[in-house]
N, C-alpha and C. Protein backbone atom coordinates (compact mmCIF):
# COMPACT_ATOMS: atom_id res chain seq x y z
N MET A 1 12.50 -2.43 -11.06
CA MET A 1 13.50 -1.48 -10.64
C MET A 1 14.53 -2.31 -9.68
N THR A 2 15.79 -2.38 -10.17
CA THR A 2 16.89 -3.02 -9.45
C THR A 2 17.36 -2.03 -8.59
N SER A 3 17.41 -2.25 -7.36
CA SER A 3 17.66 -1.18 -6.39
C SER A 3 18.50 -1.84 -5.03
N PRO A 4 19.24 -1.02 -4.41
CA PRO A 4 19.64 -1.28 -3.01
C PRO A 4 18.59 -1.20 -2.10
N TYR A 5 17.35 -0.62 -2.59
CA TYR A 5 16.21 -0.22 -1.69
C TYR A 5 15.12 -1.26 -1.73
N ASN A 6 15.36 -2.49 -2.23
CA ASN A 6 14.49 -3.55 -2.23
C ASN A 6 14.02 -3.72 -1.04
N PRO A 7 12.80 -4.19 -0.79
CA PRO A 7 12.51 -4.87 0.54
C PRO A 7 13.37 -6.07 0.92
N ARG A 8 13.59 -6.23 2.17
CA ARG A 8 14.52 -7.43 2.52
C ARG A 8 13.70 -8.80 2.32
N GLU A 9 12.38 -8.86 2.43
CA GLU A 9 11.67 -9.96 2.44
C GLU A 9 10.18 -9.83 2.00
N ALA A 10 9.28 -10.86 1.59
CA ALA A 10 8.02 -10.58 1.17
C ALA A 10 7.07 -10.07 2.31
N ALA A 11 7.50 -10.31 3.69
CA ALA A 11 6.80 -9.66 4.71
C ALA A 11 6.95 -8.24 4.81
N ASP A 12 7.80 -7.44 4.36
CA ASP A 12 7.93 -6.02 4.32
C ASP A 12 6.94 -5.55 3.30
N VAL A 13 6.62 -6.11 2.16
CA VAL A 13 5.60 -5.81 1.39
C VAL A 13 4.14 -5.82 1.94
N ARG A 14 4.10 -7.11 2.67
CA ARG A 14 2.67 -7.41 3.17
C ARG A 14 2.37 -6.45 4.27
N ARG A 15 3.50 -6.26 5.10
CA ARG A 15 3.32 -5.09 6.21
C ARG A 15 2.98 -3.75 5.77
N LEU A 16 3.69 -3.37 4.63
CA LEU A 16 3.23 -1.99 4.11
C LEU A 16 1.84 -1.98 3.73
N ILE A 17 1.53 -2.84 3.07
CA ILE A 17 0.09 -2.87 2.55
C ILE A 17 -0.99 -2.92 3.74
N ALA A 18 -0.54 -3.64 4.77
CA ALA A 18 -1.47 -3.69 6.08
C ALA A 18 -1.54 -2.56 6.58
N ASP A 19 -0.40 -1.95 6.87
CA ASP A 19 -0.25 -0.57 7.49
C ASP A 19 -0.67 0.77 6.92
N TYR A 20 -0.59 0.43 5.51
CA TYR A 20 -1.06 1.59 4.63
C TYR A 20 -1.94 1.22 3.56
N PRO A 21 -3.13 0.66 3.72
CA PRO A 21 -4.10 0.05 2.78
C PRO A 21 -4.50 0.95 1.73
N LEU A 22 -4.52 2.18 1.96
CA LEU A 22 -5.12 3.07 0.84
C LEU A 22 -4.05 3.34 -0.36
N ALA A 23 -4.52 2.98 -1.41
CA ALA A 23 -3.61 3.05 -2.48
C ALA A 23 -4.31 3.69 -3.51
N TRP A 24 -3.43 4.24 -4.73
CA TRP A 24 -4.09 4.79 -5.85
C TRP A 24 -4.29 3.69 -6.91
N LEU A 25 -5.41 3.51 -7.40
CA LEU A 25 -5.78 2.66 -8.48
C LEU A 25 -5.68 3.56 -9.71
N VAL A 26 -5.10 3.21 -10.80
CA VAL A 26 -4.96 4.09 -11.97
C VAL A 26 -5.20 3.29 -13.10
N SER A 27 -6.10 3.79 -13.95
CA SER A 27 -6.33 3.12 -15.27
C SER A 27 -5.33 3.53 -16.40
N ARG A 28 -5.53 3.05 -17.50
CA ARG A 28 -4.66 3.46 -18.74
C ARG A 28 -5.19 4.65 -19.36
N ASP A 29 -6.49 5.06 -18.80
CA ASP A 29 -7.05 6.43 -19.39
C ASP A 29 -6.85 7.39 -18.35
N PHE A 30 -6.08 7.12 -17.46
CA PHE A 30 -5.71 8.16 -16.35
C PHE A 30 -6.62 8.61 -15.33
N HIS A 31 -7.83 7.73 -15.13
CA HIS A 31 -8.59 7.94 -14.11
C HIS A 31 -7.97 7.27 -12.94
N ALA A 32 -8.09 7.96 -11.61
CA ALA A 32 -7.44 7.39 -10.57
C ALA A 32 -8.26 7.56 -9.35
N SER A 33 -8.31 6.62 -8.38
CA SER A 33 -9.06 6.64 -7.38
C SER A 33 -8.22 6.16 -6.09
N PRO A 34 -8.35 6.82 -4.87
CA PRO A 34 -7.57 6.26 -3.89
C PRO A 34 -8.65 5.21 -3.06
N LEU A 35 -8.15 3.91 -2.97
CA LEU A 35 -9.06 2.94 -2.52
C LEU A 35 -8.39 1.96 -1.60
N PRO A 36 -9.11 1.64 -0.48
CA PRO A 36 -8.30 0.65 0.41
C PRO A 36 -8.31 -0.85 -0.09
N LEU A 37 -7.27 -1.48 -0.06
CA LEU A 37 -7.00 -2.77 -0.80
C LEU A 37 -6.43 -3.78 0.36
N ILE A 38 -6.74 -4.97 0.07
CA ILE A 38 -6.30 -5.96 0.99
C ILE A 38 -5.22 -7.12 0.08
N ALA A 39 -4.13 -7.21 0.59
CA ALA A 39 -3.23 -8.23 -0.11
C ALA A 39 -3.77 -9.50 0.00
N GLU A 40 -3.56 -10.34 -1.12
CA GLU A 40 -3.88 -11.86 -1.23
C GLU A 40 -2.58 -12.30 -1.63
N THR A 41 -2.07 -13.46 -1.00
CA THR A 41 -0.71 -13.95 -1.18
C THR A 41 -0.58 -15.43 -1.72
N ASP A 42 0.56 -15.83 -2.10
CA ASP A 42 0.61 -17.28 -2.46
C ASP A 42 1.25 -17.93 -1.22
N ALA A 43 1.65 -19.10 -1.31
CA ALA A 43 2.07 -20.05 -0.21
C ALA A 43 3.35 -19.57 0.18
N ASP A 44 4.22 -18.70 -0.50
CA ASP A 44 5.38 -18.18 -0.14
C ASP A 44 5.29 -16.80 0.48
N GLY A 45 4.10 -16.14 0.49
CA GLY A 45 3.75 -14.94 1.17
C GLY A 45 3.98 -13.84 0.06
N ALA A 46 4.17 -13.96 -1.21
CA ALA A 46 4.33 -12.94 -2.35
C ALA A 46 2.88 -12.58 -2.60
N VAL A 47 2.75 -11.18 -2.75
CA VAL A 47 1.55 -10.79 -2.97
C VAL A 47 0.98 -11.11 -4.49
N THR A 48 0.03 -11.73 -4.70
CA THR A 48 -0.45 -12.19 -6.13
C THR A 48 -1.60 -11.30 -6.40
N SER A 49 -2.35 -10.72 -5.75
CA SER A 49 -3.47 -9.99 -6.20
C SER A 49 -3.88 -9.01 -5.10
N LEU A 50 -4.68 -7.95 -5.27
CA LEU A 50 -5.13 -6.97 -4.12
C LEU A 50 -6.63 -6.95 -4.39
N PHE A 51 -7.34 -7.16 -3.23
CA PHE A 51 -8.78 -7.27 -3.22
C PHE A 51 -9.47 -5.90 -2.77
N GLY A 52 -10.36 -5.39 -3.44
CA GLY A 52 -11.09 -4.25 -3.04
C GLY A 52 -12.48 -4.03 -3.65
N HIS A 53 -12.87 -2.92 -3.53
CA HIS A 53 -14.16 -2.51 -4.00
C HIS A 53 -14.42 -0.99 -4.33
N CYS A 54 -15.18 -0.73 -5.32
CA CYS A 54 -15.48 0.74 -5.61
C CYS A 54 -16.87 0.90 -5.99
N ALA A 55 -17.20 2.16 -6.13
CA ALA A 55 -18.61 2.48 -6.54
C ALA A 55 -18.64 2.18 -7.93
N LEU A 56 -19.97 1.77 -8.48
CA LEU A 56 -20.07 1.37 -9.76
C LEU A 56 -20.16 2.67 -10.58
N ARG A 57 -20.33 3.84 -10.09
CA ARG A 57 -20.37 4.89 -10.82
C ARG A 57 -18.90 5.54 -11.09
N ASN A 58 -17.82 4.98 -10.47
CA ASN A 58 -16.61 5.45 -10.51
C ASN A 58 -15.96 5.11 -11.82
N PRO A 59 -15.47 6.20 -12.56
CA PRO A 59 -15.09 6.08 -13.92
C PRO A 59 -14.06 4.94 -14.08
N LEU A 60 -13.47 4.47 -13.13
CA LEU A 60 -12.60 3.39 -13.22
C LEU A 60 -13.30 2.06 -13.82
N VAL A 61 -14.46 1.76 -13.37
CA VAL A 61 -15.21 0.73 -13.57
C VAL A 61 -15.35 0.64 -15.30
N GLY A 62 -15.74 1.51 -15.86
CA GLY A 62 -15.87 1.70 -17.46
C GLY A 62 -14.44 1.55 -18.01
N ASP A 63 -13.38 2.16 -17.45
CA ASP A 63 -12.02 2.09 -17.98
C ASP A 63 -11.61 0.59 -17.78
N PHE A 64 -11.80 0.00 -16.76
CA PHE A 64 -11.32 -1.45 -16.62
C PHE A 64 -12.04 -2.47 -17.29
N ARG A 65 -13.39 -2.22 -17.59
CA ARG A 65 -14.10 -3.10 -18.43
C ARG A 65 -13.56 -3.12 -19.87
N ALA A 66 -13.18 -1.91 -20.35
CA ALA A 66 -12.70 -1.68 -21.69
C ALA A 66 -11.23 -2.17 -21.88
N ASP A 67 -10.32 -2.17 -20.64
CA ASP A 67 -8.99 -2.38 -20.69
C ASP A 67 -8.73 -2.69 -19.34
N PRO A 68 -8.51 -4.07 -18.95
CA PRO A 68 -8.14 -4.29 -17.49
C PRO A 68 -6.82 -3.99 -16.89
N ARG A 69 -6.03 -3.51 -17.70
CA ARG A 69 -4.56 -3.22 -17.31
C ARG A 69 -4.48 -1.94 -16.46
N GLY A 70 -3.75 -1.82 -15.31
CA GLY A 70 -3.65 -0.50 -14.73
C GLY A 70 -2.51 -0.59 -13.72
N LEU A 71 -2.48 0.38 -12.85
CA LEU A 71 -1.49 0.47 -11.89
C LEU A 71 -2.07 0.65 -10.42
N ILE A 72 -1.32 0.05 -9.37
CA ILE A 72 -1.76 0.48 -8.08
C ILE A 72 -0.49 0.86 -7.38
N LEU A 73 -0.61 2.09 -6.79
CA LEU A 73 0.46 2.79 -5.98
C LEU A 73 0.23 2.91 -4.48
N PHE A 74 1.00 2.34 -3.68
CA PHE A 74 1.07 2.40 -2.26
C PHE A 74 2.06 3.35 -1.77
N THR A 75 1.76 4.30 -0.89
CA THR A 75 2.86 5.10 -0.21
C THR A 75 2.85 4.76 1.16
N GLY A 76 3.91 4.33 1.77
CA GLY A 76 4.09 3.91 3.08
C GLY A 76 4.77 4.97 4.04
N PRO A 77 5.45 4.76 4.89
CA PRO A 77 6.04 5.93 5.68
C PRO A 77 7.01 6.66 4.81
N GLU A 78 6.97 7.99 5.10
CA GLU A 78 8.01 8.92 4.32
C GLU A 78 8.18 10.17 4.99
N ALA A 79 9.36 10.62 4.90
CA ALA A 79 9.82 12.12 5.50
C ALA A 79 10.99 12.49 5.02
N TYR A 80 11.39 13.82 5.17
CA TYR A 80 12.38 14.47 4.96
C TYR A 80 13.41 14.17 6.07
N VAL A 81 14.70 13.97 5.63
CA VAL A 81 15.77 13.82 6.59
C VAL A 81 16.67 14.96 6.56
N PRO A 82 16.64 15.91 7.50
CA PRO A 82 17.56 16.89 7.33
C PRO A 82 18.94 16.81 7.87
N THR A 83 19.80 17.65 7.37
CA THR A 83 21.25 17.38 7.88
C THR A 83 21.35 17.65 9.35
N SER A 84 20.52 18.24 9.85
CA SER A 84 20.73 18.74 11.38
C SER A 84 20.73 17.33 12.16
N LEU A 85 20.39 16.18 11.63
CA LEU A 85 20.31 14.95 12.39
C LEU A 85 21.72 14.28 12.57
N LEU A 86 22.53 14.72 11.62
CA LEU A 86 23.81 14.05 11.74
C LEU A 86 24.90 14.92 12.18
N SER A 87 25.84 14.37 12.83
CA SER A 87 27.05 15.07 13.26
C SER A 87 28.13 15.36 12.05
N LYS A 88 27.89 14.47 11.13
CA LYS A 88 28.85 14.53 9.92
C LYS A 88 28.58 15.70 9.09
N ALA A 89 29.59 16.57 8.71
CA ALA A 89 29.34 17.80 8.10
C ALA A 89 29.03 17.74 6.58
N ASP A 90 29.66 16.64 6.07
CA ASP A 90 29.54 16.49 4.62
C ASP A 90 28.39 15.68 4.06
N TRP A 91 27.34 15.49 4.78
CA TRP A 91 26.33 14.74 4.42
C TRP A 91 25.10 15.52 3.96
N ALA A 92 24.62 15.18 3.02
CA ALA A 92 23.49 15.96 2.13
C ALA A 92 22.09 15.41 2.77
N PRO A 93 21.10 16.26 2.72
CA PRO A 93 19.62 15.90 3.22
C PRO A 93 19.16 14.99 2.15
N THR A 94 18.06 14.34 2.61
CA THR A 94 17.50 13.32 1.58
C THR A 94 15.97 13.20 2.00
N TRP A 95 15.13 12.35 1.30
CA TRP A 95 13.87 11.99 1.69
C TRP A 95 13.83 10.50 1.78
N ASN A 96 13.35 9.97 2.89
CA ASN A 96 13.26 8.62 2.90
C ASN A 96 11.80 8.00 2.85
N TYR A 97 11.49 6.92 2.20
CA TYR A 97 10.28 6.57 2.03
C TYR A 97 10.20 4.89 1.71
N ALA A 98 8.86 4.24 1.64
CA ALA A 98 8.80 3.13 1.26
C ALA A 98 7.58 3.11 0.34
N VAL A 99 7.67 2.60 -0.89
CA VAL A 99 6.56 2.70 -1.92
C VAL A 99 6.39 1.60 -2.55
N LEU A 100 5.30 1.05 -2.99
CA LEU A 100 4.96 -0.05 -3.85
C LEU A 100 4.31 0.29 -5.06
N ARG A 101 4.60 -0.45 -6.12
CA ARG A 101 3.97 -0.16 -7.40
C ARG A 101 3.69 -1.47 -7.94
N PHE A 102 2.38 -1.72 -8.31
CA PHE A 102 1.94 -2.94 -8.89
C PHE A 102 1.36 -2.64 -10.26
N THR A 103 1.76 -3.30 -11.32
CA THR A 103 1.06 -3.43 -12.70
C THR A 103 0.09 -4.57 -12.48
N VAL A 104 -1.04 -4.28 -12.90
CA VAL A 104 -2.26 -5.20 -12.54
C VAL A 104 -3.14 -5.49 -13.61
N GLU A 105 -3.86 -6.54 -13.60
CA GLU A 105 -5.14 -6.61 -14.40
C GLU A 105 -6.28 -6.72 -13.54
N ILE A 106 -7.20 -5.94 -13.76
CA ILE A 106 -8.41 -5.85 -12.85
C ILE A 106 -9.43 -6.93 -13.39
N GLU A 107 -9.95 -7.76 -12.36
CA GLU A 107 -11.11 -8.61 -12.75
C GLU A 107 -12.15 -8.08 -11.84
N PHE A 108 -13.37 -7.79 -12.28
CA PHE A 108 -14.44 -7.44 -11.46
C PHE A 108 -15.15 -8.76 -10.95
N VAL A 109 -15.38 -8.78 -9.75
CA VAL A 109 -16.06 -10.02 -9.10
C VAL A 109 -17.23 -9.59 -8.27
N GLY A 110 -18.27 -9.35 -8.97
CA GLY A 110 -19.47 -8.83 -8.32
C GLY A 110 -19.98 -9.76 -7.21
N ASP A 111 -19.89 -10.90 -7.50
CA ASP A 111 -20.39 -11.95 -6.43
C ASP A 111 -19.73 -12.06 -5.21
N GLU A 112 -18.38 -11.25 -5.17
CA GLU A 112 -17.74 -11.24 -3.95
C GLU A 112 -17.78 -9.79 -3.25
N THR A 113 -18.65 -8.99 -3.70
CA THR A 113 -18.80 -7.57 -3.22
C THR A 113 -18.94 -7.58 -1.80
N ARG A 114 -19.92 -8.36 -1.29
CA ARG A 114 -20.18 -8.38 0.29
C ARG A 114 -19.06 -8.90 0.89
N ASP A 115 -18.27 -9.93 0.46
CA ASP A 115 -17.01 -10.27 1.09
C ASP A 115 -15.92 -9.30 1.23
N ALA A 116 -15.74 -8.63 -0.07
CA ALA A 116 -14.79 -7.31 0.08
C ALA A 116 -14.90 -6.50 1.03
N ILE A 117 -16.21 -5.97 1.22
CA ILE A 117 -16.67 -5.16 2.22
C ILE A 117 -16.36 -5.65 3.65
N GLU A 118 -16.95 -6.88 3.84
CA GLU A 118 -16.82 -7.41 5.08
C GLU A 118 -15.31 -7.84 5.56
N ARG A 119 -14.57 -8.20 4.69
CA ARG A 119 -12.99 -8.34 5.02
C ARG A 119 -12.43 -7.05 5.27
N LEU A 120 -12.80 -5.87 4.46
CA LEU A 120 -12.16 -4.60 4.93
C LEU A 120 -12.58 -4.32 6.31
N VAL A 121 -13.96 -4.26 6.45
CA VAL A 121 -14.33 -3.89 7.82
C VAL A 121 -13.83 -4.55 9.03
N ALA A 122 -13.69 -6.03 8.69
CA ALA A 122 -13.08 -6.75 9.87
C ALA A 122 -11.65 -6.20 10.17
N LYS A 123 -10.84 -5.97 8.83
CA LYS A 123 -9.52 -5.57 9.15
C LYS A 123 -9.35 -4.28 9.73
N MET A 124 -10.17 -3.26 9.40
CA MET A 124 -10.24 -1.94 9.98
C MET A 124 -10.82 -1.81 11.39
N GLU A 125 -11.92 -2.60 11.61
CA GLU A 125 -12.67 -2.42 12.81
C GLU A 125 -12.19 -3.38 13.86
N GLY A 126 -11.54 -4.53 13.39
CA GLY A 126 -11.14 -5.45 14.50
C GLY A 126 -12.22 -5.76 15.42
N GLY A 127 -13.54 -5.93 14.93
CA GLY A 127 -14.59 -6.36 15.70
C GLY A 127 -15.29 -5.28 16.38
N ALA A 128 -14.82 -4.05 16.24
CA ALA A 128 -15.61 -2.95 17.00
C ALA A 128 -16.78 -2.46 16.59
N TRP A 129 -17.05 -2.82 15.23
CA TRP A 129 -18.33 -2.29 14.33
C TRP A 129 -18.53 -3.32 13.37
N SER A 130 -19.74 -3.56 12.85
CA SER A 130 -20.06 -4.59 11.82
C SER A 130 -21.12 -3.85 10.84
N THR A 131 -21.16 -4.36 9.79
CA THR A 131 -22.22 -3.75 8.80
C THR A 131 -23.64 -4.17 9.20
N ALA A 132 -23.74 -5.07 10.11
CA ALA A 132 -25.20 -5.50 10.54
C ALA A 132 -25.73 -4.14 11.19
N SER A 133 -25.01 -3.29 11.86
CA SER A 133 -25.63 -1.96 12.16
C SER A 133 -26.22 -1.09 11.16
N LEU A 134 -25.95 -1.21 9.95
CA LEU A 134 -26.50 -0.58 8.91
C LEU A 134 -28.01 -0.91 8.55
N GLY A 135 -28.40 -2.19 9.11
CA GLY A 135 -29.65 -2.64 8.75
C GLY A 135 -29.95 -2.65 7.34
N PRO A 136 -31.18 -2.40 6.84
CA PRO A 136 -31.65 -2.49 5.43
C PRO A 136 -30.84 -1.42 4.39
N ARG A 137 -30.31 -0.54 4.87
CA ARG A 137 -29.41 0.37 4.11
C ARG A 137 -28.22 -0.41 3.45
N TYR A 138 -27.69 -1.38 4.16
CA TYR A 138 -26.75 -2.17 3.63
C TYR A 138 -26.78 -2.85 2.39
N GLU A 139 -28.01 -3.45 2.14
CA GLU A 139 -28.34 -4.03 0.96
C GLU A 139 -28.54 -3.09 -0.19
N LYS A 140 -28.91 -1.77 0.06
CA LYS A 140 -29.02 -0.76 -1.01
C LYS A 140 -27.57 -0.19 -1.31
N MET A 141 -26.75 -0.12 -0.45
CA MET A 141 -25.37 0.27 -0.62
C MET A 141 -24.72 -0.80 -1.45
N LEU A 142 -24.89 -2.14 -1.32
CA LEU A 142 -24.25 -3.26 -1.88
C LEU A 142 -24.69 -3.14 -3.44
N ASP A 143 -25.75 -2.68 -3.68
CA ASP A 143 -26.26 -2.55 -5.23
C ASP A 143 -25.50 -1.44 -5.94
N GLN A 144 -24.72 -0.62 -5.20
CA GLN A 144 -23.98 0.45 -5.94
C GLN A 144 -22.57 0.23 -5.94
N ILE A 145 -22.15 -0.83 -5.50
CA ILE A 145 -20.67 -1.23 -5.37
C ILE A 145 -20.32 -2.43 -6.12
N ILE A 146 -19.12 -2.50 -6.50
CA ILE A 146 -18.69 -3.75 -7.14
C ILE A 146 -17.09 -4.18 -6.64
N ALA A 147 -17.04 -5.44 -6.32
CA ALA A 147 -15.70 -5.80 -5.86
C ALA A 147 -14.88 -6.06 -7.19
N PHE A 148 -13.52 -6.04 -6.89
CA PHE A 148 -12.51 -6.31 -7.90
C PHE A 148 -11.27 -7.03 -7.21
N ARG A 149 -10.59 -7.78 -7.98
CA ARG A 149 -9.33 -8.41 -7.92
C ARG A 149 -8.43 -7.85 -8.83
N ALA A 150 -7.32 -7.26 -8.26
CA ALA A 150 -6.25 -6.81 -8.98
C ALA A 150 -5.24 -7.86 -9.12
N HIS A 151 -5.13 -8.71 -10.23
CA HIS A 151 -4.05 -9.64 -10.42
C HIS A 151 -2.74 -8.96 -10.61
N VAL A 152 -1.64 -9.18 -9.84
CA VAL A 152 -0.41 -8.69 -10.04
C VAL A 152 0.31 -9.29 -11.30
N ARG A 153 0.78 -8.50 -12.17
CA ARG A 153 1.45 -8.83 -13.22
C ARG A 153 2.97 -8.61 -13.22
N SER A 154 3.27 -7.46 -12.38
CA SER A 154 4.70 -7.16 -12.08
C SER A 154 4.65 -6.32 -10.91
N ALA A 155 5.77 -6.16 -10.27
CA ALA A 155 5.92 -5.38 -9.07
C ALA A 155 7.20 -4.66 -8.96
N GLU A 156 7.01 -3.39 -8.46
CA GLU A 156 8.41 -2.69 -8.35
C GLU A 156 8.32 -2.18 -6.93
N HIS A 157 9.28 -2.23 -5.95
CA HIS A 157 9.23 -1.76 -4.78
C HIS A 157 10.36 -0.82 -4.32
N SER A 158 10.19 0.19 -3.65
CA SER A 158 11.48 0.82 -3.26
C SER A 158 11.43 1.19 -1.62
N PHE A 159 12.15 0.64 -0.87
CA PHE A 159 12.20 0.93 0.57
C PHE A 159 13.46 1.56 0.71
N LYS A 160 13.35 3.16 0.37
CA LYS A 160 14.55 3.87 0.42
C LYS A 160 14.49 4.49 1.94
N LEU A 161 14.92 3.54 2.86
CA LEU A 161 14.93 3.95 4.31
C LEU A 161 16.23 4.35 4.93
N GLY A 162 17.18 4.78 4.02
CA GLY A 162 18.51 5.26 4.36
C GLY A 162 19.31 5.47 2.92
N GLN A 163 20.58 5.98 2.98
CA GLN A 163 21.22 6.04 1.79
C GLN A 163 22.61 5.71 2.10
N ASP A 164 23.57 6.64 1.98
CA ASP A 164 24.94 6.13 2.15
C ASP A 164 25.53 6.33 3.64
N GLU A 165 24.70 6.54 4.62
CA GLU A 165 25.19 6.78 5.95
C GLU A 165 26.12 5.80 6.30
N SER A 166 26.95 6.35 7.42
CA SER A 166 27.79 5.36 8.19
C SER A 166 26.74 4.49 9.26
N ALA A 167 27.27 3.55 9.82
CA ALA A 167 26.42 3.03 10.90
C ALA A 167 26.05 3.98 11.93
N PRO A 168 27.20 4.74 12.42
CA PRO A 168 26.77 5.61 13.36
C PRO A 168 25.92 6.91 12.93
N GLY A 169 25.95 7.25 11.60
CA GLY A 169 25.13 8.25 11.13
C GLY A 169 23.81 7.79 11.16
N PHE A 170 23.51 6.58 10.50
CA PHE A 170 22.14 5.69 10.50
C PHE A 170 21.59 6.04 11.95
N ALA A 171 22.29 5.51 12.89
CA ALA A 171 21.83 5.53 14.21
C ALA A 171 21.48 6.87 14.67
N GLU A 172 22.26 7.85 14.26
CA GLU A 172 21.83 9.40 14.75
C GLU A 172 20.53 9.67 14.01
N ILE A 173 20.31 9.35 12.80
CA ILE A 173 18.98 9.64 12.18
C ILE A 173 17.84 9.00 12.68
N VAL A 174 17.96 7.74 13.09
CA VAL A 174 16.98 6.83 13.51
C VAL A 174 16.51 7.42 15.07
N ALA A 175 17.68 7.82 15.86
CA ALA A 175 17.44 8.11 17.19
C ALA A 175 16.76 9.57 17.23
N GLY A 176 17.08 10.55 16.14
CA GLY A 176 16.70 11.88 16.24
C GLY A 176 15.63 12.19 15.31
N HIS A 177 15.11 11.23 14.48
CA HIS A 177 14.02 11.77 13.54
C HIS A 177 12.83 12.00 14.47
N SER A 178 12.13 13.21 13.95
CA SER A 178 10.85 13.41 14.68
C SER A 178 9.69 12.44 14.18
N ASP A 179 9.74 11.90 13.09
CA ASP A 179 8.80 11.00 12.54
C ASP A 179 9.01 9.60 13.08
N ARG A 180 8.61 9.24 14.15
CA ARG A 180 8.87 7.90 14.86
C ARG A 180 8.59 6.76 14.14
N THR A 181 7.51 6.83 13.26
CA THR A 181 6.93 5.68 12.34
C THR A 181 7.95 5.39 11.44
N LEU A 182 8.51 6.43 10.79
CA LEU A 182 9.50 6.38 9.69
C LEU A 182 10.87 5.66 10.49
N ALA A 183 11.10 6.32 11.51
CA ALA A 183 12.37 5.79 12.30
C ALA A 183 12.20 4.46 12.57
N ALA A 184 11.11 3.83 12.92
CA ALA A 184 10.93 2.56 13.37
C ALA A 184 11.22 1.55 11.92
N TRP A 185 10.55 2.01 10.84
CA TRP A 185 10.61 1.32 9.66
C TRP A 185 12.13 1.24 9.18
N MET A 186 12.82 2.48 9.53
CA MET A 186 14.30 2.38 9.02
C MET A 186 15.13 1.45 9.95
N GLU A 187 14.69 1.46 11.15
CA GLU A 187 15.44 0.60 12.06
C GLU A 187 15.18 -0.69 11.63
N GLY A 188 13.90 -1.21 11.53
CA GLY A 188 13.38 -2.52 11.04
C GLY A 188 14.17 -3.16 9.76
N GLN A 189 14.21 -2.20 8.69
CA GLN A 189 15.01 -2.69 7.58
C GLN A 189 16.44 -2.98 7.81
N ALA A 190 16.98 -2.07 8.82
CA ALA A 190 18.63 -2.15 9.08
C ALA A 190 18.84 -3.51 9.77
N LYS A 191 17.89 -4.00 10.64
CA LYS A 191 18.03 -5.22 11.47
C LYS A 191 18.01 -6.47 10.60
N ARG A 192 17.52 -6.55 9.52
CA ARG A 192 17.48 -7.74 8.77
C ARG A 192 18.66 -7.98 7.78
């Protein structure tokens, strides 16, 4: 998707995944599950794969064993932008958002299941909790889970964090929008 809404740099994509790690993993048989994922990058910071895990009983496991191709969809900050935020009378309302779409090939990496869980727990808990507190239950849980690496084959990103506003109109939206997270993302995209 060629668009004026492309992210400014690879760091924007990594930040969206880090801040909004829950993504839809979709098979070609249209099974889908929301799963938290961790971005893996190359030396330039571009996302090359997404690392995660799911239950072995999830229908996606069978789907991806038969055909490894699928989609991963991330939704970042998003909100309606009403006309009431602008003093300009002829401006139309819109919806601002940041989304990522990856076409991927899934590789199951069962020997990395523990690592997938430990990395996710470390990211989400920041040291406040560890799997050690699960005791013997943890090993039983691991037997029901499988890690996967989603190798990125193509990517489409849309950071529609504004449209055709003038600089003063954009500033009015950023200053007045009730969703301060979206406003911060809008401001961050404008400053680059």
